[in-house]
Amino acid sequence: MHAGMRAMDQAEQSPLAGEPGRRWRRARAGSPAGRAAAADALGHPVVVGYDGTPSSRNALAYAAGISRRLDRPLLIVYVAPPGVYCEPLTGQVIGALRDQPETQRWLLAELDEVCDQAGLEVRALARRGSVARELAAAAAEAGADALVIGAPGHRWHQVVGSVPGWLARHAHCPVIVVP
């Protein structure tokens, strides 16, 4: 072995590409890095975007199956667009996002209807903003092994672009689109 080279098992933790002097440090819980550290405790989950549509229900079932087979946690993410939005189950127009505990109960109840939760570590998360950007951010923060979403149900998405198309170009993990 060359004197200047080190064995792989003795190498120091290398910085990320493009960040030559970056050092790892403990992040505060409220900071974006703190959220990432907290999400890292999930252990590289399978992330699924859920909005109550039939294709997102299929995606939820598929993601639960992947989670079970890979022995990974399942992170269900519901993203409400900013401002006024329409409740997916009732059609009621609402201006404020549900509170986190209520959203978690709803998402876990939906999972119960789709599949058996036995043997799955499940977390639910609600966010507000651009659906594609928030799903990508949630997957990146959690260090997701995969991001599963339902296929868009409207033809106009093929013309103006869609969440799956944007995620395929920008997400940092594999994106699985379920019909």
Protein backbone atom coordinates (compact mmCIF):
# COMPACT_ATOMS: atom_id res chain seq x y z
CA MET A 1 0.00 0.00 0.00
CA HIS A 2 1.32 3.44 -0.94
CA ALA A 3 2.32 5.50 2.11
CA GLY A 4 0.03 8.38 1.11
CA MET A 5 -3.04 6.19 0.75
CA ARG A 6 -5.19 4.96 3.61
CA ALA A 7 -7.25 1.82 3.77
CA MET A 8 -10.97 2.37 3.17
CA ASP A 9 -11.91 1.22 6.66
CA GLN A 10 -9.52 3.77 8.18
CA ALA A 11 -10.63 6.73 6.10
CA GLU A 12 -12.07 9.77 7.79
CA GLN A 13 -15.64 10.74 7.01
CA SER A 14 -15.38 12.68 3.77
CA PRO A 15 -17.25 15.93 3.20
CA LEU A 16 -20.03 16.16 0.67
CA ALA A 17 -19.11 16.87 -2.93
CA GLY A 18 -18.79 20.59 -3.51
CA GLU A 19 -18.35 21.31 0.19
CA PRO A 20 -14.64 20.76 0.84
CA GLY A 21 -14.48 22.03 4.40
CA ARG A 22 -17.88 21.00 5.71
CA ARG A 23 -17.90 19.55 9.20
CA TRP A 24 -20.75 17.59 10.72
CA ARG A 25 -22.38 19.15 13.75
CA ARG A 26 -25.43 18.58 15.88
CA ALA A 27 -28.38 20.59 14.62
CA ARG A 28 -30.96 22.43 16.68
CA ALA A 29 -34.42 20.83 16.67
CA GLY A 30 -36.20 23.87 15.17
CA SER A 31 -33.76 24.47 12.31
CA PRO A 32 -34.03 22.87 8.86
CA ALA A 33 -30.95 20.81 9.71
CA GLY A 34 -32.66 19.81 12.97
CA ARG A 35 -35.70 18.58 11.05
CA ALA A 36 -33.37 16.62 8.81
CA ALA A 37 -31.62 15.10 11.83
CA ALA A 38 -34.97 14.19 13.36
CA ALA A 39 -36.15 12.68 10.08
CA ASP A 40 -32.88 10.74 9.85
CA ALA A 41 -34.03 8.87 12.94
CA LEU A 42 -36.61 7.25 10.66
CA GLY A 43 -33.86 5.22 9.02
CA HIS A 44 -34.25 5.97 5.29
CA PRO A 45 -38.02 5.59 4.97
CA VAL A 46 -40.21 5.01 1.97
CA VAL A 47 -42.02 8.33 1.50
CA VAL A 48 -45.49 8.45 -0.03
CA GLY A 49 -47.40 11.54 -1.10
CA TYR A 50 -51.08 11.24 -0.21
CA ASP A 51 -54.03 13.49 -1.04
CA GLY A 52 -57.08 11.21 -0.87
CA THR A 53 -57.44 10.59 -4.62
CA PRO A 54 -57.83 7.03 -5.94
CA SER A 55 -54.33 7.02 -7.44
CA SER A 56 -52.81 8.26 -4.17
CA ARG A 57 -54.64 5.44 -2.33
CA ASN A 58 -53.01 3.00 -4.74
CA ALA A 59 -49.66 4.69 -4.11
CA LEU A 60 -50.20 4.37 -0.35
CA ALA A 61 -50.86 0.63 -0.65
CA TYR A 62 -47.84 0.19 -2.91
CA ALA A 63 -45.57 2.20 -0.59
CA ALA A 64 -46.73 0.16 2.42
CA GLY A 65 -45.81 -3.02 0.54
CA ILE A 66 -42.37 -1.67 -0.37
CA SER A 67 -41.83 -0.57 3.23
CA ARG A 68 -42.72 -4.01 4.50
CA ARG A 69 -40.50 -5.82 1.95
CA LEU A 70 -37.50 -3.53 2.53
CA ASP A 71 -38.07 -3.44 6.29
CA ARG A 72 -38.10 0.37 6.15
CA PRO A 73 -40.34 2.90 7.91
CA LEU A 74 -43.20 4.48 5.97
CA LEU A 75 -43.54 8.27 5.95
CA ILE A 76 -46.91 9.51 4.67
CA VAL A 77 -46.79 13.14 3.53
CA TYR A 78 -49.88 15.27 2.91
CA VAL A 79 -49.21 18.61 1.23
CA ALA A 80 -51.83 21.34 1.20
CA PRO A 81 -51.31 24.10 -1.34
CA PRO A 82 -50.76 27.56 0.11
CA GLY A 83 -53.87 29.62 0.76
CA VAL A 84 -57.35 28.24 0.23
CA TYR A 85 -57.70 24.58 -0.66
CA CYS A 86 -60.39 21.96 -1.09
CA GLU A 87 -60.62 19.08 1.40
CA PRO A 88 -60.05 15.89 -0.65
CA LEU A 89 -62.63 13.75 1.14
CA THR A 90 -65.52 16.16 1.68
CA GLY A 91 -64.97 18.76 -1.03
CA GLN A 92 -65.28 21.48 1.62
CA VAL A 93 -63.26 24.63 0.90
CA ILE A 94 -60.94 25.38 3.79
CA GLY A 95 -58.51 28.23 4.35
CA ALA A 96 -56.38 26.76 7.13
CA LEU A 97 -54.43 23.52 7.24
CA ARG A 98 -55.70 20.89 9.67
CA ASP A 99 -53.73 20.67 12.86
CA GLN A 100 -50.98 18.07 12.85
CA PRO A 101 -52.62 15.53 15.22
CA GLU A 102 -55.89 15.59 13.24
CA THR A 103 -54.02 15.18 9.95
CA GLN A 104 -52.02 12.28 11.37
CA ARG A 105 -55.21 10.54 12.54
CA TRP A 106 -56.77 11.01 9.11
CA LEU A 107 -53.69 9.68 7.28
CA LEU A 108 -53.38 6.65 9.58
CA ALA A 109 -57.11 5.92 9.17
CA GLU A 110 -56.64 6.02 5.39
CA LEU A 111 -53.71 3.60 5.70
CA ASP A 112 -55.91 1.27 7.79
CA GLU A 113 -58.48 1.22 4.98
CA VAL A 114 -55.84 0.43 2.36
CA CYS A 115 -53.71 -2.19 4.13
CA ASP A 116 -52.75 -3.79 7.42
CA GLN A 117 -50.33 -1.65 9.46
CA ALA A 118 -49.00 -4.62 11.42
CA GLY A 119 -45.22 -4.72 11.28
CA LEU A 120 -44.89 -1.23 9.80
CA GLU A 121 -43.30 1.76 11.48
CA VAL A 122 -45.48 4.60 10.22
CA ARG A 123 -45.20 8.37 10.56
CA ALA A 124 -47.45 11.03 9.08
CA LEU A 125 -46.51 14.57 8.15
CA ALA A 126 -48.50 17.56 6.89
CA ARG A 127 -46.93 20.41 4.96
CA ARG A 128 -48.11 23.48 3.11
CA GLY A 129 -46.75 24.77 -0.18
CA SER A 130 -45.96 23.49 -3.64
CA VAL A 131 -46.81 19.79 -3.71
CA ALA A 132 -43.81 18.77 -5.81
CA ARG A 133 -41.30 20.90 -3.89
CA GLU A 134 -42.61 19.86 -0.47
CA LEU A 135 -42.59 16.15 -1.36
CA ALA A 136 -39.03 16.44 -2.67
CA ALA A 137 -37.97 18.34 0.46
CA ALA A 138 -39.61 15.79 2.78
CA ALA A 139 -37.90 12.93 0.94
CA ALA A 140 -34.53 14.70 1.04
CA GLU A 141 -34.83 15.60 4.74
CA ALA A 142 -35.72 12.01 5.62
CA GLY A 143 -33.01 10.49 3.40
CA ALA A 144 -35.73 8.49 1.66
CA ASP A 145 -34.99 5.26 -0.16
CA ALA A 146 -37.92 5.94 -2.50
CA LEU A 147 -40.71 8.45 -3.10
CA VAL A 148 -44.04 6.96 -4.17
CA ILE A 149 -46.84 9.09 -5.65
CA GLY A 150 -50.06 8.56 -7.53
CA ALA A 151 -50.34 9.38 -11.22
CA PRO A 152 -52.16 12.60 -12.07
CA GLY A 153 -55.73 12.03 -13.16
CA HIS A 154 -56.10 14.87 -15.67
CA ARG A 155 -54.90 15.10 -19.26
CA TRP A 156 -53.92 18.76 -18.86
CA HIS A 157 -50.97 17.66 -16.69
CA GLN A 158 -49.37 16.28 -19.85
CA VAL A 159 -49.48 19.75 -21.40
CA VAL A 160 -48.52 22.00 -18.48
CA GLY A 161 -46.35 19.55 -16.52
CA SER A 162 -47.07 17.44 -13.51
CA VAL A 163 -45.88 16.64 -10.02
CA PRO A 164 -44.41 13.27 -11.12
CA GLY A 165 -42.53 14.93 -13.98
CA TRP A 166 -41.06 17.60 -11.73
CA LEU A 167 -40.10 15.03 -9.08
CA ALA A 168 -38.46 12.77 -11.66
CA ARG A 169 -36.19 15.67 -12.61
CA HIS A 170 -35.51 17.12 -9.14
CA ALA A 171 -35.92 14.52 -6.35
CA HIS A 172 -32.76 12.99 -4.90
CA CYS A 173 -34.19 9.47 -4.65
CA PRO A 174 -36.04 7.09 -6.98
CA VAL A 175 -39.59 8.26 -7.79
CA ILE A 176 -42.27 5.61 -8.31
CA VAL A 177 -45.52 6.70 -9.98
CA VAL A 178 -48.48 4.41 -9.34
CA PRO A 179 -51.59 4.56 -11.57
